[in-house]
C-alpha atoms as a PDB file:
ATOM      1  CA  MET A   1      -5.940   3.104  15.061  1.00  0.00           C
ATOM      2  CA  GLU A   2      -4.230   5.598  17.308  1.00  0.00           C
ATOM      3  CA  LEU A   3      -0.692   4.264  16.306  1.00  0.00           C
ATOM      4  CA  TRP A   4      -1.305   4.692  12.719  1.00  0.00           C
ATOM      5  CA  ASP A   5      -2.918   8.112  13.330  1.00  0.00           C
ATOM      6  CA  GLN A   6       0.486   9.171  14.901  1.00  0.00           C
ATOM      7  CA  ILE A   7       2.509   8.231  11.737  1.00  0.00           C
ATOM      8  CA  ALA A   8       0.273   9.491   9.109  1.00  0.00           C
ATOM      9  CA  PHE A   9       2.652  12.210   8.028  1.00  0.00           C
ATOM     10  CA  GLU A  10       5.096   9.455   7.062  1.00  0.00           C
ATOM     11  CA  TYR A  11       2.660   8.394   4.292  1.00  0.00           C
ATOM     12  CA  ASP A  12       1.966  11.964   2.975  1.00  0.00           C
ATOM     13  CA  PRO A  13       2.028  11.743  -0.926  1.00  0.00           C
ATOM     14  CA  LYS A  14       3.853  15.127  -0.930  1.00  0.00           C
ATOM     15  CA  SER A  15       6.520  14.263   1.707  1.00  0.00           C
ATOM     16  CA  PRO A  16      10.007  15.167   0.631  1.00  0.00           C
ATOM     17  CA  LEU A  17      11.261  12.015   2.451  1.00  0.00           C
ATOM     18  CA  ARG A  18       9.458   9.936  -0.131  1.00  0.00           C
ATOM     19  CA  ARG A  19      11.635  11.310  -2.910  1.00  0.00           C
ATOM     20  CA  ILE A  20      14.732  10.186  -1.120  1.00  0.00           C
ATOM     21  CA  TRP A  21      14.007   6.426  -1.374  1.00  0.00           C
ATOM     22  CA  THR A  22      11.151   5.786  -3.715  1.00  0.00           C
ATOM     23  CA  LYS A  23       9.990   6.985  -7.206  1.00  0.00           C
ATOM     24  CA  ASN A  24       6.458   8.175  -6.911  1.00  0.00           C
ATOM     25  CA  ARG A  25       5.963   8.390 -10.677  1.00  0.00           C
ATOM     26  CA  VAL A  26       6.764   4.656 -11.179  1.00  0.00           C
ATOM     27  CA  TRP A  27       4.379   3.469  -8.588  1.00  0.00           C
ATOM     28  CA  ILE A  28       1.579   5.732 -10.002  1.00  0.00           C
ATOM     29  CA  ASP A  29       2.439   4.019 -13.600  1.00  0.00           C
ATOM     30  CA  VAL A  30       2.374   0.427 -12.293  1.00  0.00           C
ATOM     31  CA  ILE A  31      -1.003   0.940 -10.478  1.00  0.00           C
ATOM     32  CA  ARG A  32      -2.487   2.791 -13.483  1.00  0.00           C
ATOM     33  CA  ASP A  33      -1.258   0.370 -15.956  1.00  0.00           C
ATOM     34  CA  ALA A  34      -2.610  -2.656 -13.940  1.00  0.00           C
ATOM     35  CA  LEU A  35      -6.011  -1.249 -13.864  1.00  0.00           C
ATOM     36  CA  TYR A  36      -6.126  -0.078 -17.399  1.00  0.00           C
ATOM     37  CA  GLY A  37      -9.596  -0.210 -18.770  1.00  0.00           C
ATOM     38  CA  CYS A  38     -11.351   0.220 -15.335  1.00  0.00           C
ATOM     39  CA  LYS A  39     -13.522   3.207 -14.454  1.00  0.00           C
ATOM     40  CA  LYS A  40     -14.751   3.017 -10.766  1.00  0.00           C
ATOM     41  CA  VAL A  41     -11.797   1.911  -8.572  1.00  0.00           C
ATOM     42  CA  LEU A  42     -11.421   1.180  -4.877  1.00  0.00           C
ATOM     43  CA  ASP A  43      -8.369   1.746  -2.856  1.00  0.00           C
ATOM     44  CA  VAL A  44      -8.392  -0.604   0.264  1.00  0.00           C
ATOM     45  CA  GLY A  45      -6.223   0.749   3.029  1.00  0.00           C
ATOM     46  CA  CYS A  46      -5.418   3.931   1.349  1.00  0.00           C
ATOM     47  CA  GLY A  47      -3.397   5.564   4.126  1.00  0.00           C
ATOM     48  CA  ALA A  48      -2.766   9.146   3.402  1.00  0.00           C
ATOM     49  CA  GLY A  49      -3.740   8.801  -0.161  1.00  0.00           C
ATOM     50  CA  PHE A  50      -0.748   7.746  -2.375  1.00  0.00           C
ATOM     51  CA  PRO A  51      -1.083   6.950  -5.180  1.00  0.00           C
ATOM     52  CA  SER A  52      -4.871   7.585  -5.324  1.00  0.00           C
ATOM     53  CA  VAL A  53      -4.742  11.377  -5.254  1.00  0.00           C
ATOM     54  CA  PHE A  54      -2.826  11.130  -8.539  1.00  0.00           C
ATOM     55  CA  LEU A  55      -4.834   8.099  -9.989  1.00  0.00           C
ATOM     56  CA  ALA A  56      -8.049  10.164  -9.692  1.00  0.00           C
ATOM     57  CA  LYS A  57      -7.008  11.920 -12.760  1.00  0.00           C
ATOM     58  CA  TRP A  58      -7.839   8.732 -14.714  1.00  0.00           C
ATOM     59  CA  PHE A  59     -10.267   6.825 -12.298  1.00  0.00           C
ATOM     60  CA  ASP A  60     -13.358   7.494 -10.289  1.00  0.00           C
ATOM     61  CA  MET A  61     -11.598   6.780  -7.003  1.00  0.00           C
ATOM     62  CA  PHE A  62     -13.091   5.489  -3.788  1.00  0.00           C
ATOM     63  CA  CYS A  63     -10.604   5.317  -0.823  1.00  0.00           C
ATOM     64  CA  LEU A  64     -11.015   3.760   2.529  1.00  0.00           C
ATOM     65  CA  ASP A  65      -8.877   3.364   5.705  1.00  0.00           C
ATOM     66  CA  LEU A  66      -9.453   3.065   9.483  1.00  0.00           C
ATOM     67  CA  SER A  67      -7.107   5.866  10.479  1.00  0.00           C
ATOM     68  CA  LYS A  68      -8.701   9.147  10.814  1.00  0.00           C
ATOM     69  CA  ASN A  69      -5.596  11.218  10.489  1.00  0.00           C
ATOM     70  CA  MET A  70      -4.539   9.267   7.251  1.00  0.00           C
ATOM     71  CA  LEU A  71      -7.902  10.182   5.860  1.00  0.00           C
ATOM     72  CA  LEU A  72      -7.688  13.742   6.673  1.00  0.00           C
ATOM     73  CA  LEU A  73      -4.398  13.973   5.239  1.00  0.00           C
ATOM     74  CA  ALA A  74      -5.502  12.115   2.081  1.00  0.00           C
ATOM     75  CA  SER A  75      -8.500  14.459   1.706  1.00  0.00           C
ATOM     76  CA  LYS A  76      -6.141  17.578   2.029  1.00  0.00           C
ATOM     77  CA  ARG A  77      -3.913  16.401  -0.778  1.00  0.00           C
ATOM     78  CA  ALA A  78      -6.812  15.402  -3.012  1.00  0.00           C
ATOM     79  CA  LYS A  79      -8.195  19.098  -2.763  1.00  0.00           C
ATOM     80  CA  GLU A  80      -4.736  20.367  -3.559  1.00  0.00           C
ATOM     81  CA  GLU A  81      -4.559  18.241  -6.604  1.00  0.00           C
ATOM     82  CA  GLY A  82      -8.135  19.244  -7.614  1.00  0.00           C
ATOM     83  CA  VAL A  83      -9.442  15.897  -7.819  1.00  0.00           C
ATOM     84  CA  LYS A  84     -12.612  14.387  -6.308  1.00  0.00           C
ATOM     85  CA  ILE A  85     -12.333  11.248  -4.340  1.00  0.00           C
ATOM     86  CA  LYS A  86     -14.783   9.459  -2.039  1.00  0.00           C
ATOM     87  CA  PHE A  87     -13.079   8.855   1.419  1.00  0.00           C
ATOM     88  CA  LEU A  88     -14.615   6.451   3.806  1.00  0.00           C
ATOM     89  CA  ARG A  89     -13.437   5.344   7.355  1.00  0.00           C
ATOM     90  CA  ALA A  90     -13.986   1.428   7.210  1.00  0.00           C
ATOM     91  CA  ASP A  91     -12.651  -1.832   7.983  1.00  0.00           C
ATOM     92  CA  SER A  92     -10.913  -3.698   5.074  1.00  0.00           C
ATOM     93  CA  CYS A  93     -12.514  -6.950   6.406  1.00  0.00           C
ATOM     94  CA  ARG A  94     -16.049  -5.539   6.253  1.00  0.00           C
ATOM     95  CA  LEU A  95     -16.296  -3.388   3.253  1.00  0.00           C
ATOM     96  CA  PRO A  96     -19.329  -1.092   3.232  1.00  0.00           C
ATOM     97  CA  PHE A  97     -20.451  -1.792  -0.391  1.00  0.00           C
ATOM     98  CA  LYS A  98     -22.980  -4.064  -2.115  1.00  0.00           C
ATOM     99  CA  ASP A  99     -21.632  -6.928  -4.235  1.00  0.00           C
ATOM    100  CA  SER A 100     -20.186  -6.322  -7.668  1.00  0.00           C
ATOM    101  CA  VAL A 101     -19.873  -2.459  -7.644  1.00  0.00           C
ATOM    102  CA  PHE A 102     -16.294  -1.668  -8.732  1.00  0.00           C
ATOM    103  CA  ASP A 103     -14.397  -2.160 -11.959  1.00  0.00           C
ATOM    104  CA  GLY A 104     -11.095  -2.180 -10.158  1.00  0.00           C
ATOM    105  CA  VAL A 105      -9.817  -2.775  -6.604  1.00  0.00           C
ATOM    106  CA  TYR A 106      -6.289  -2.395  -5.365  1.00  0.00           C
ATOM    107  CA  CYS A 107      -4.523  -2.693  -2.101  1.00  0.00           C
ATOM    108  CA  LYS A 108      -0.966  -1.610  -1.463  1.00  0.00           C
ATOM    109  CA  PHE A 109       0.987  -2.706   1.437  1.00  0.00           C
ATOM    110  CA  ALA A 110      -1.989  -2.650   3.588  1.00  0.00           C
ATOM    111  CA  LEU A 111      -2.840  -6.357   4.179  1.00  0.00           C
ATOM    112  CA  TRP A 112       0.165  -7.246   6.566  1.00  0.00           C
ATOM    113  CA  PRO A 113      -1.208  -5.211   9.570  1.00  0.00           C
ATOM    114  CA  LEU A 114      -4.599  -7.316   9.317  1.00  0.00           C
ATOM    115  CA  LYS A 115      -5.380 -10.155  11.605  1.00  0.00           C
ATOM    116  CA  SER A 116      -7.542 -11.691   8.717  1.00  0.00           C
ATOM    117  CA  PRO A 117      -5.875 -10.675   5.474  1.00  0.00           C
ATOM    118  CA  GLU A 118      -7.561 -13.571   3.697  1.00  0.00           C
ATOM    119  CA  GLU A 119     -11.045 -12.057   4.530  1.00  0.00           C
ATOM    120  CA  ALA A 120      -9.979  -8.716   3.290  1.00  0.00           C
ATOM    121  CA  ILE A 121      -9.042 -10.230  -0.148  1.00  0.00           C
ATOM    122  CA  LYS A 122     -12.331 -11.959  -0.216  1.00  0.00           C
ATOM    123  CA  GLU A 123     -14.087  -8.773   0.571  1.00  0.00           C
ATOM    124  CA  MET A 124     -12.300  -7.022  -2.359  1.00  0.00           C
ATOM    125  CA  ILE A 125     -13.284  -9.730  -4.640  1.00  0.00           C
ATOM    126  CA  ARG A 126     -16.939  -9.569  -3.384  1.00  0.00           C
ATOM    127  CA  VAL A 127     -17.283  -5.819  -4.368  1.00  0.00           C
ATOM    128  CA  LEU A 128     -15.708  -6.348  -7.701  1.00  0.00           C
ATOM    129  CA  LYS A 129     -17.722  -6.708 -10.823  1.00  0.00           C
ATOM    130  CA  PRO A 130     -17.320 -10.011 -12.916  1.00  0.00           C
ATOM    131  CA  ASP A 131     -14.366  -9.341 -15.205  1.00  0.00           C
ATOM    132  CA  GLY A 132     -13.177  -6.639 -12.821  1.00  0.00           C
ATOM    133  CA  LYS A 133      -9.434  -6.441 -11.941  1.00  0.00           C
ATOM    134  CA  ILE A 134      -7.851  -6.764  -8.426  1.00  0.00           C
ATOM    135  CA  ALA A 135      -4.276  -5.593  -7.950  1.00  0.00           C
ATOM    136  CA  ILE A 136      -2.473  -6.617  -4.760  1.00  0.00           C
ATOM    137  CA  VAL A 137       0.933  -5.087  -3.790  1.00  0.00           C
ATOM    138  CA  GLU A 138       2.862  -6.435  -0.791  1.00  0.00           C
ATOM    139  CA  VAL A 139       6.092  -7.569   0.549  1.00  0.00           C
ATOM    140  CA  ASP A 140       6.841 -11.217  -0.458  1.00  0.00           C
ATOM    141  CA  ARG A 141       7.538 -12.300   3.370  1.00  0.00           C
ATOM    142  CA  LYS A 142       9.487 -15.507   3.548  1.00  0.00           C
ATOM    143  CA  GLY A 143       9.658 -15.710   7.298  1.00  0.00           C
ATOM    144  CA  LYS A 144      13.541 -15.451   7.477  1.00  0.00           C
ATOM    145  CA  LYS A 145      15.094 -12.981   9.772  1.00  0.00           C
ATOM    146  CA  GLN A 146      16.863 -10.466   7.366  1.00  0.00           C
ATOM    147  CA  SER A 147      20.436  -9.279   8.176  1.00  0.00           C
ATOM    148  CA  VAL A 148      21.228  -5.599   7.707  1.00  0.00           C
ATOM    149  CA  SER A 149      24.507  -4.663   6.244  1.00  0.00           C
ATOM    150  CA  LEU A 150      26.753  -2.010   7.655  1.00  0.00           C
ATOM    151  CA  ARG A 151      26.280   0.069   4.499  1.00  0.00           C
ATOM    152  CA  SER A 152      22.530  -0.025   5.071  1.00  0.00           C
ATOM    153  CA  LYS A 153      22.770   1.047   8.668  1.00  0.00           C
ATOM    154  CA  ILE A 154      25.014   3.989   7.684  1.00  0.00           C
ATOM    155  CA  PHE A 155      22.589   5.239   5.023  1.00  0.00           C
ATOM    156  CA  TYR A 156      19.602   4.665   7.366  1.00  0.00           C
ATOM    157  CA  SER A 157      21.346   6.839  10.186  1.00  0.00           C
ATOM    158  CA  VAL A 158      21.956   9.500   7.596  1.00  0.00           C
ATOM    159  CA  TYR A 159      18.218   9.330   6.601  1.00  0.00           C
ATOM    160  CA  LEU A 160      17.124   9.606  10.122  1.00  0.00           C
ATOM    161  CA  TRP A 161      19.314  12.630  10.676  1.00  0.00           C
ATOM    162  CA  ILE A 162      17.703  14.445   7.640  1.00  0.00           C
ATOM    163  CA  LYS A 163      14.167  13.425   8.976  1.00  0.00           C
ATOM    164  CA  GLN A 164      14.714  14.718  12.481  1.00  0.00           C
ATOM    165  CA  LYS A 165      17.349  17.331  12.251  1.00  0.00           C
ATOM    166  CA  ILE A 166      16.564  19.121   8.940  1.00  0.00           C
ATOM    167  CA  LEU A 167      12.920  18.235   8.290  1.00  0.00           C
ATOM    168  CA  LYS A 168      12.168  18.428  12.026  1.00  0.00           C
ATOM    169  CA  TYR A 169      10.044  15.300  11.978  1.00  0.00           C
ATOM    170  CA  PRO A 170       9.475  13.462  15.167  1.00  0.00           C
ATOM    171  CA  ASP A 171      11.235  10.022  15.889  1.00  0.00           C
ATOM    172  CA  THR A 172       8.542   7.406  15.133  1.00  0.00           C
ATOM    173  CA  ARG A 173      10.753   4.325  15.753  1.00  0.00           C
ATOM    174  CA  PRO A 174       8.995   3.643  19.098  1.00  0.00           C
ATOM    175  CA  ILE A 175       5.560   3.732  17.456  1.00  0.00           C
ATOM    176  CA  TRP A 176       6.875   1.341  14.724  1.00  0.00           C
ATOM    177  CA  LYS A 177       8.233  -0.949  17.306  1.00  0.00           C
ATOM    178  CA  ARG A 178       4.816  -1.204  19.009  1.00  0.00           C
ATOM    179  CA  LEU A 179       3.005  -1.913  15.579  1.00  0.00           C
ATOM    180  CA  MET A 180       5.596  -4.660  14.817  1.00  0.00           C
ATOM    181  CA  LYS A 181       4.854  -6.155  18.260  1.00  0.00           C
ATOM    182  CA  GLU A 182       1.171  -5.991  17.798  1.00  0.00           C
ATOM    183  CA  THR A 183       1.195  -7.610  14.470  1.00  0.00           C
ATOM    184  CA  GLU A 184       3.807 -10.283  14.825  1.00  0.00           C
ATOM    185  CA  LYS A 185       1.339 -12.981  15.085  1.00  0.00           C
ATOM    186  CA  ASN A 186      -0.583 -11.964  12.178  1.00  0.00           C
ATOM    187  CA  PRO A 187      -0.817 -14.434   9.149  1.00  0.00           C
ATOM    188  CA  ARG A 188       2.266 -14.140   6.920  1.00  0.00           C
ATOM    189  CA  VAL A 189       1.347 -12.121   3.796  1.00  0.00           C
ATOM    190  CA  ASN A 190       3.450 -13.218   0.752  1.00  0.00           C
ATOM    191  CA  LEU A 191       3.018 -14.097  -2.962  1.00  0.00           C
ATOM    192  CA  ASP A 192       1.859 -17.579  -2.483  1.00  0.00           C
ATOM    193  CA  MET A 193      -0.648 -16.647   0.048  1.00  0.00           C
ATOM    194  CA  VAL A 194      -2.201 -13.804  -2.019  1.00  0.00           C
ATOM    195  CA  SER A 195      -2.169 -15.739  -5.295  1.00  0.00           C
ATOM    196  CA  GLY A 196      -3.672 -18.824  -3.674  1.00  0.00           C
ATOM    197  CA  VAL A 197      -6.603 -16.854  -2.074  1.00  0.00           C
ATOM    198  CA  LEU A 198      -7.334 -15.150  -5.382  1.00  0.00           C
ATOM    199  CA  ARG A 199      -7.330 -18.538  -7.276  1.00  0.00           C
ATOM    200  CA  LYS A 200      -9.396 -20.188  -4.707  1.00  0.00           C
ATOM    201  CA  ASN A 201     -11.992 -17.408  -4.927  1.00  0.00           C
ATOM    202  CA  ASN A 202     -12.845 -17.498  -8.729  1.00  0.00           C
ATOM    203  CA  CYS A 203      -9.970 -15.122  -9.951  1.00  0.00           C
ATOM    204  CA  LYS A 204      -7.598 -15.742 -12.746  1.00  0.00           C
ATOM    205  CA  ILE A 205      -4.016 -14.439 -12.371  1.00  0.00           C
ATOM    206  CA  LEU A 206      -3.266 -12.004 -15.214  1.00  0.00           C
ATOM    207  CA  LYS A 207       0.208 -10.812 -14.173  1.00  0.00           C
ATOM    208  CA  ILE A 208       2.861 -11.271 -11.421  1.00  0.00           C
ATOM    209  CA  GLU A 209       5.536  -8.656 -11.108  1.00  0.00           C
ATOM    210  CA  THR A 210       8.368  -9.335  -8.693  1.00  0.00           C
ATOM    211  CA  ARG A 211      10.695  -6.650  -9.595  1.00  0.00           C
ATOM    212  CA  LEU A 212       8.855  -3.845  -7.831  1.00  0.00           C
ATOM    213  CA  LYS A 213      11.630  -3.063  -5.450  1.00  0.00           C
ATOM    214  CA  GLN A 214      14.220  -2.618  -8.221  1.00  0.00           C
ATOM    215  CA  MET A 215      11.689  -0.629 -10.403  1.00  0.00           C
ATOM    216  CA  THR A 216      10.582   1.772  -7.726  1.00  0.00           C
ATOM    217  CA  TYR A 217      13.593   2.382  -5.450  1.00  0.00           C
ATOM    218  CA  THR A 218      15.896   5.403  -6.107  1.00  0.00           C
ATOM    219  CA  ALA A 219      19.778   4.929  -5.849  1.00  0.00           C
ATOM    220  CA  ILE A 220      19.710   5.654  -2.149  1.00  0.00           C
ATOM    221  CA  GLY A 221      16.591   3.556  -1.642  1.00  0.00           C
ATOM    222  CA  LYS A 222      18.394   0.589  -3.249  1.00  0.00           C
ATOM    223  CA  ILE A 223      21.141   0.970  -0.698  1.00  0.00           C
ATOM    224  CA  MET A 224      19.018   1.385   2.350  1.00  0.00           C
ATOM    225  CA  GLY A 225      16.636  -1.428   1.391  1.00  0.00           C
ATOM    226  CA  SER A 226      19.204  -3.812  -0.197  1.00  0.00           C
ATOM    227  CA  ASP A 227      18.637  -6.380   2.789  1.00  0.00           C
ATOM    228  CA  HIS A 228      14.836  -5.953   2.556  1.00  0.00           C
ATOM    229  CA  GLU A 229      12.551  -8.619   1.049  1.00  0.00           C
ATOM    230  CA  ASP A 230      11.293  -8.256  -2.416  1.00  0.00           C
ATOM    231  CA  TYR A 231       7.805  -6.542  -3.274  1.00  0.00           C
ATOM    232  CA  PHE A 232       5.354  -8.065  -5.650  1.00  0.00           C
ATOM    233  CA  LEU A 233       2.314  -7.024  -7.617  1.00  0.00           C
ATOM    234  CA  CYS A 234      -0.196  -9.787  -8.269  1.00  0.00           C
ATOM    235  CA  LEU A 235      -2.915  -8.823 -10.684  1.00  0.00           C
ATOM    236  CA  ALA A 236      -6.017 -10.877 -11.288  1.00  0.00           C
ATOM    237  CA  LYS A 237      -9.516 -10.885 -13.008  1.00  0.00           C
ATOM    238  CA  LYS A 238     -12.736 -11.922 -11.343  1.00  0.00           C
ATOM    239  CA  GLU A 239     -14.405 -14.658 -13.451  1.00  0.00           C
END
């Protein structure tokens, strides 16, 4: 997980860059509402802790990731927020928990890097209690090459200038290029795949939300990401 360790700062829950393109408050509300009624909740592929460090005000949170630096940053932010979270370094496809221990499980943009995303979903279902909720947020990848408009390119260039010249963050484009290369042969994660795996494994779909991009992007984010594929939330209950 060395590459992910190098870009952990980009996932910082308190990063000023996040406020440029996404609405943190909306994301927190989306996940909190999806898991309403749950107590003990697992975040699979938690990254640097967003939104779990804020959701811990309502839930008993457990968070896992394979990146050491992501977990260190998440732990730091949790302490700053004054919340208690159990952090574990573990593989999403081999969750270190017994069967049926969580009221809720969620995974936000953490399936696509996996070579076996279906196995990860099955593991999430395994550790979920009967009638527990599972919420998965991902990009609805259709496999079509996305064209990028001139307007998006201009705004992205401005974003990079702010990131590197004003905030003094390193250029992570070479790292992302390597990550894309390493994951290009992974199974395609999209709404059909996720909902299909959930249904095949004794889960009932409760809600599908396909307007997440419009809901969570700021005005600048909508310009920068106008050419990107849509996001979705698939919420299900284990029967």
